[in-house]
Each structure stands twice: as C-alpha cells, then as structure tokens.
Amino acid sequence: MKSLYIMGMPGSGKTVVALGLAQKVRQEGLSASYFKPVANGKRVPGGIDLDAVLMKEVLGMNVPLEKIAPLSAGPFYLSSHGAYEGAEEKIMEAFNEVGSFADVVLIDGALSPYVLSSCGLDSVSLAGKMGAAAVLVVKAENDFSLDEALHMSRCLARDGIEVLGVIFSNVPRALYSKTEGVYKPVLEREGFKVLGVFPQRPEIVSPTV
C-alpha cells in the first residue's frame, strides 16, 4: 500500500486534487481509497463529513464513513476536555482499515497543515506516522504563495517526509506566466518539483467539490 498526503491551506483545492488523483489511479489499473483523518468540523446533520460522503461514493468504498473521516476539529477544539485522548490510535486504526484493500490511499489534509499541532496530530506529524509522501497544494495569489510552498516543502523535508512536489492551483491569468517562469524555477533549484499549474477557471471552483 502506498499513501499520499495532500496538504494545503483553506481553499487551496486539496479535495479537487484528491478527486482527480483518485480517477487517475483507477485509470492506471490500481485501486484507490480516500482517508481524511481530521475533518474541519463542518458537517451535515448526523455528523457526516461531506468530502468523505463524496469520495466514498466516487470510489465505491465499502467502509463506514466514520472510518473514512474518524476525527473532526473546530476552532475551539481544546474546549472539549479529553476529546482527543486516544485520537492517534483511533486515526491509525481507521487508516489501516481504509488502506487494507487499496493499492493507493489518498489522504486529505486538515483545513490547514498545522491544525491539531498541540496534540501531535497535525498533517506533517501524521504523514510521518503513516509513512506517507506529501503533495502540497498552494493557491497562487501573490509572491507570498511561493514562500508558502517553499517554507512548507522545507519543513516537510526536514521532518523526513518525502515531498513529491507542489501543485499551484486557481492561478489568475495575470500570475500564470510568473508561476511557470519564476516560482517553478525557484522551487526546482531547491530540489522540489512543481507537479502542475492549474489556471483560475470558474467551472472548477463553482460549485465546490
């Protein structure tokens, strides 16, 4: 089983990338499953994560939704006393179950890579525990977007996480050439690949995944 951890900031397009990769993996004749260890706390009635519902249906996963998305964290998660005791064991048990029947597990990162850092359950820490390689999805807005990609790639590499590369998403027309001609060479000089540059297109982002 291979596992790929897709990380990024809010609105970067992590789930779109997971959906696309899932389709590509299946086209290559491999089986894929989806895992979201830390959902963002915004759920439909009944406590169901919407991304998990979507990917369970698309991939035909015969796994309970609570295994696909075993944990959630809102902005005041520390107010729930004891809510995260045993959370790592719960996540790893669910991860092993979801991955037991697939060639590739696509792991959708939390709202931000740093969420649940106080519990050691941030995306970087979990990627290490799961032995997953990382793909960063960065919404290109300005030059700080390059800094974000570079900083996160360096942090992951220092923690021993294999960085497969960076995807720049939702790139405005005015930034497209700069992303290809400036941002990409800077990252590649540091040893990090740019896997794709997705232009800003309304039909991709509206409605959301």
Protein backbone atom coordinates (compact mmCIF):
# COMPACT_ATOMS: atom_id res chain seq x y z
CA MET A 1 0.00 0.00 0.00
CA LYS A 2 1.26 3.45 -0.97
CA SER A 3 -0.11 6.55 0.75
CA LEU A 4 -0.12 10.14 -0.43
CA TYR A 5 -0.86 13.04 1.93
CA ILE A 6 -2.38 16.07 0.19
CA MET A 7 -1.76 19.22 2.21
CA GLY A 8 -2.65 22.88 1.81
CA MET A 9 -4.28 25.92 3.29
CA PRO A 10 -8.08 26.54 3.28
CA GLY A 11 -9.49 26.85 -0.23
CA SER A 12 -6.34 25.61 -1.92
CA GLY A 13 -8.13 22.76 -3.70
CA LYS A 14 -6.96 19.69 -1.76
CA THR A 15 -10.14 17.73 -2.32
CA VAL A 16 -10.24 18.56 -6.03
CA VAL A 17 -6.71 17.19 -6.33
CA ALA A 18 -7.66 14.08 -4.34
CA LEU A 19 -10.64 13.50 -6.62
CA GLY A 20 -8.52 13.90 -9.76
CA LEU A 21 -5.77 11.65 -8.46
CA ALA A 22 -8.30 9.00 -7.49
CA GLN A 23 -9.60 8.90 -11.06
CA LYS A 24 -6.06 8.77 -12.45
CA VAL A 25 -5.02 5.94 -10.13
CA ARG A 26 -8.00 3.90 -11.27
CA GLN A 27 -7.22 4.62 -14.93
CA GLU A 28 -3.80 3.11 -14.30
CA GLY A 29 -5.47 -0.12 -13.17
CA LEU A 30 -4.84 0.36 -9.46
CA SER A 31 -7.31 0.55 -6.60
CA ALA A 32 -7.62 3.74 -4.56
CA SER A 33 -9.18 4.68 -1.26
CA TYR A 34 -9.70 8.02 0.45
CA PHE A 35 -8.94 9.00 4.03
CA LYS A 36 -9.50 12.26 5.89
CA PRO A 37 -8.04 11.86 9.38
CA VAL A 38 -9.06 15.31 10.63
CA ALA A 39 -12.23 16.85 9.23
CA ASN A 40 -12.83 20.58 9.71
CA GLY A 41 -15.82 20.27 12.00
CA LYS A 42 -18.35 21.50 9.41
CA ARG A 43 -20.61 18.53 8.98
CA VAL A 44 -24.12 17.86 7.80
CA PRO A 45 -26.72 16.71 10.39
CA GLY A 46 -25.71 13.33 11.70
CA GLY A 47 -22.01 14.17 11.95
CA ILE A 48 -21.07 13.19 8.39
CA ASP A 49 -18.15 14.85 6.60
CA LEU A 50 -19.23 15.91 3.11
CA ASP A 51 -15.89 15.16 1.44
CA ALA A 52 -15.99 11.66 2.89
CA VAL A 53 -19.52 11.16 1.51
CA LEU A 54 -18.41 12.26 -1.95
CA MET A 55 -15.26 10.15 -2.11
CA LYS A 56 -16.93 7.06 -0.64
CA GLU A 57 -19.46 7.20 -3.46
CA VAL A 58 -16.98 8.00 -6.24
CA LEU A 59 -14.58 5.24 -5.22
CA GLY A 60 -17.26 2.76 -4.18
CA MET A 61 -15.64 2.27 -0.79
CA ASN A 62 -17.27 -0.38 1.37
CA VAL A 63 -16.13 1.30 4.59
CA PRO A 64 -18.21 3.19 7.19
CA LEU A 65 -17.97 6.97 6.92
CA GLU A 66 -16.69 7.19 10.49
CA LYS A 67 -13.64 5.22 9.37
CA ILE A 68 -13.02 7.43 6.34
CA ALA A 69 -13.19 10.59 8.49
CA PRO A 70 -12.61 9.45 12.08
CA LEU A 71 -11.94 12.80 13.76
CA SER A 72 -13.04 16.42 13.49
CA ALA A 73 -11.63 19.64 14.88
CA GLY A 74 -13.27 23.04 15.13
CA PRO A 75 -11.53 26.32 16.00
CA PHE A 76 -12.12 25.78 19.75
CA TYR A 77 -11.30 22.08 19.87
CA LEU A 78 -9.34 22.41 23.13
CA SER A 79 -12.58 23.30 24.95
CA SER A 80 -13.66 19.67 24.64
CA HIS A 81 -11.93 18.22 27.66
CA GLY A 82 -10.44 14.83 26.92
CA ALA A 83 -11.98 14.73 23.45
CA TYR A 84 -8.65 13.87 21.83
CA GLU A 85 -7.42 11.25 24.26
CA GLY A 86 -6.68 8.14 22.24
CA ALA A 87 -7.20 10.10 19.00
CA GLU A 88 -3.95 8.94 17.42
CA GLU A 89 -4.83 5.29 17.97
CA LYS A 90 -8.30 5.91 16.53
CA ILE A 91 -6.85 7.58 13.44
CA MET A 92 -4.23 4.90 12.83
CA GLU A 93 -6.73 2.08 13.27
CA ALA A 94 -9.07 3.71 10.75
CA PHE A 95 -6.16 4.40 8.36
CA ASN A 96 -5.08 0.77 8.40
CA GLU A 97 -8.63 -0.39 7.76
CA VAL A 98 -9.19 2.04 4.88
CA GLY A 99 -5.84 1.11 3.35
CA SER A 100 -6.19 -2.65 3.75
CA PHE A 101 -7.99 -3.11 0.42
CA ALA A 102 -6.32 -0.42 -1.76
CA ASP A 103 -3.09 -0.02 -3.69
CA VAL A 104 -3.06 3.72 -3.02
CA VAL A 105 -4.55 5.70 -0.12
CA LEU A 106 -5.18 9.37 -0.82
CA ILE A 107 -5.08 11.25 2.47
CA ASP A 108 -6.85 14.62 2.51
CA GLY A 109 -5.19 17.05 4.90
CA ALA A 110 -6.94 19.07 7.58
CA LEU A 111 -8.17 22.61 6.99
CA SER A 112 -4.55 23.75 7.45
CA PRO A 113 -1.38 21.65 7.90
CA TYR A 114 -0.87 22.98 11.44
CA VAL A 115 -4.34 22.05 12.80
CA LEU A 116 -4.08 19.89 15.96
CA SER A 117 -0.35 20.60 16.38
CA SER A 118 -0.93 20.78 20.14
CA CYS A 119 -1.97 17.12 20.06
CA GLY A 120 0.75 15.97 17.67
CA LEU A 121 -1.92 15.29 15.07
CA ASP A 122 -1.05 17.97 12.52
CA SER A 123 -0.66 16.91 8.89
CA VAL A 124 3.14 16.78 8.99
CA SER A 125 3.19 14.59 12.11
CA LEU A 126 0.50 12.28 10.74
CA ALA A 127 2.30 11.93 7.41
CA GLY A 128 5.35 10.72 9.31
CA LYS A 129 3.33 8.24 11.36
CA MET A 130 1.63 6.89 8.23
CA GLY A 131 4.77 6.74 6.13
CA ALA A 132 3.08 8.90 3.52
CA ALA A 133 4.67 11.04 0.84
CA ALA A 134 3.37 14.61 0.55
CA VAL A 135 1.91 16.75 -2.19
CA LEU A 136 1.42 20.45 -1.42
CA VAL A 137 -1.48 22.31 -3.00
CA VAL A 138 -0.95 26.08 -2.97
CA LYS A 139 -3.48 28.64 -4.12
CA ALA A 140 -1.43 31.15 -6.12
CA GLU A 141 -2.35 34.70 -5.13
CA ASN A 142 0.94 36.59 -5.00
CA ASP A 143 4.66 36.09 -4.32
CA PHE A 144 3.90 35.02 -0.77
CA SER A 145 2.37 31.89 -2.31
CA LEU A 146 5.84 30.88 -3.46
CA ASP A 147 7.13 31.49 0.07
CA GLU A 148 4.37 29.26 1.44
CA ALA A 149 5.27 26.46 -0.96
CA LEU A 150 8.98 26.77 -0.23
CA HIS A 151 8.58 27.00 3.54
CA MET A 152 6.25 24.02 3.78
CA SER A 153 8.42 21.91 1.46
CA ARG A 154 11.50 22.64 3.55
CA CYS A 155 9.67 21.84 6.80
CA LEU A 156 8.43 18.52 5.44
CA ALA A 157 11.87 17.58 4.13
CA ARG A 158 13.48 18.42 7.48
CA ASP A 159 10.99 16.09 9.19
CA GLY A 160 11.94 13.27 6.83
CA ILE A 161 8.73 13.42 4.77
CA GLU A 162 9.18 12.73 1.07
CA VAL A 163 7.86 15.74 -0.87
CA LEU A 164 6.62 14.57 -4.26
CA GLY A 165 6.02 18.15 -5.33
CA VAL A 166 3.87 21.25 -5.37
CA ILE A 167 0.68 21.99 -7.28
CA PHE A 168 -0.22 25.65 -7.80
CA SER A 169 -3.99 25.91 -8.07
CA ASN A 170 -6.51 28.56 -9.06
CA VAL A 171 -3.76 30.66 -10.66
CA PRO A 172 -5.07 34.00 -12.01
CA ARG A 173 -4.29 34.77 -15.65
CA ALA A 174 -2.01 37.64 -14.60
CA LEU A 175 0.10 35.28 -12.47
CA TYR A 176 0.21 32.26 -14.77
CA SER A 177 3.40 33.14 -16.65
CA LYS A 178 5.12 34.21 -13.43
CA THR A 179 4.20 30.94 -11.76
CA GLU A 180 5.74 28.98 -14.61
CA GLY A 181 8.69 31.28 -15.23
CA VAL A 182 9.66 32.42 -11.71
CA TYR A 183 8.03 30.34 -8.96
CA LYS A 184 8.70 26.97 -10.61
CA PRO A 185 12.47 27.53 -11.18
CA VAL A 186 12.94 28.77 -7.60
CA LEU A 187 11.35 25.62 -6.17
CA GLU A 188 13.23 23.34 -8.53
CA ARG A 189 16.57 24.92 -7.59
CA GLU A 190 15.76 23.87 -4.02
CA GLY A 191 15.07 20.32 -5.21
CA PHE A 192 11.27 20.47 -5.14
CA LYS A 193 9.20 19.64 -8.22
CA VAL A 194 6.23 21.60 -9.49
CA LEU A 195 3.72 18.93 -10.50
CA GLY A 196 1.13 21.21 -12.03
CA VAL A 197 -0.15 24.74 -12.52
CA PHE A 198 -3.94 24.97 -12.68
CA PRO A 199 -5.38 28.18 -14.14
CA GLN A 200 -8.25 30.01 -12.47
CA ARG A 201 -11.46 28.74 -14.06
CA PRO A 202 -14.95 29.39 -12.65
CA GLU A 203 -16.26 25.96 -13.68
CA ILE A 204 -13.64 24.27 -11.48
CA VAL A 205 -14.46 26.13 -8.27
CA SER A 206 -18.19 26.82 -8.53
CA PRO A 207 -19.76 24.81 -7.10
CA THR A 208 -17.05 23.43 -4.81
CA VAL A 209 -16.33 19.70 -4.66
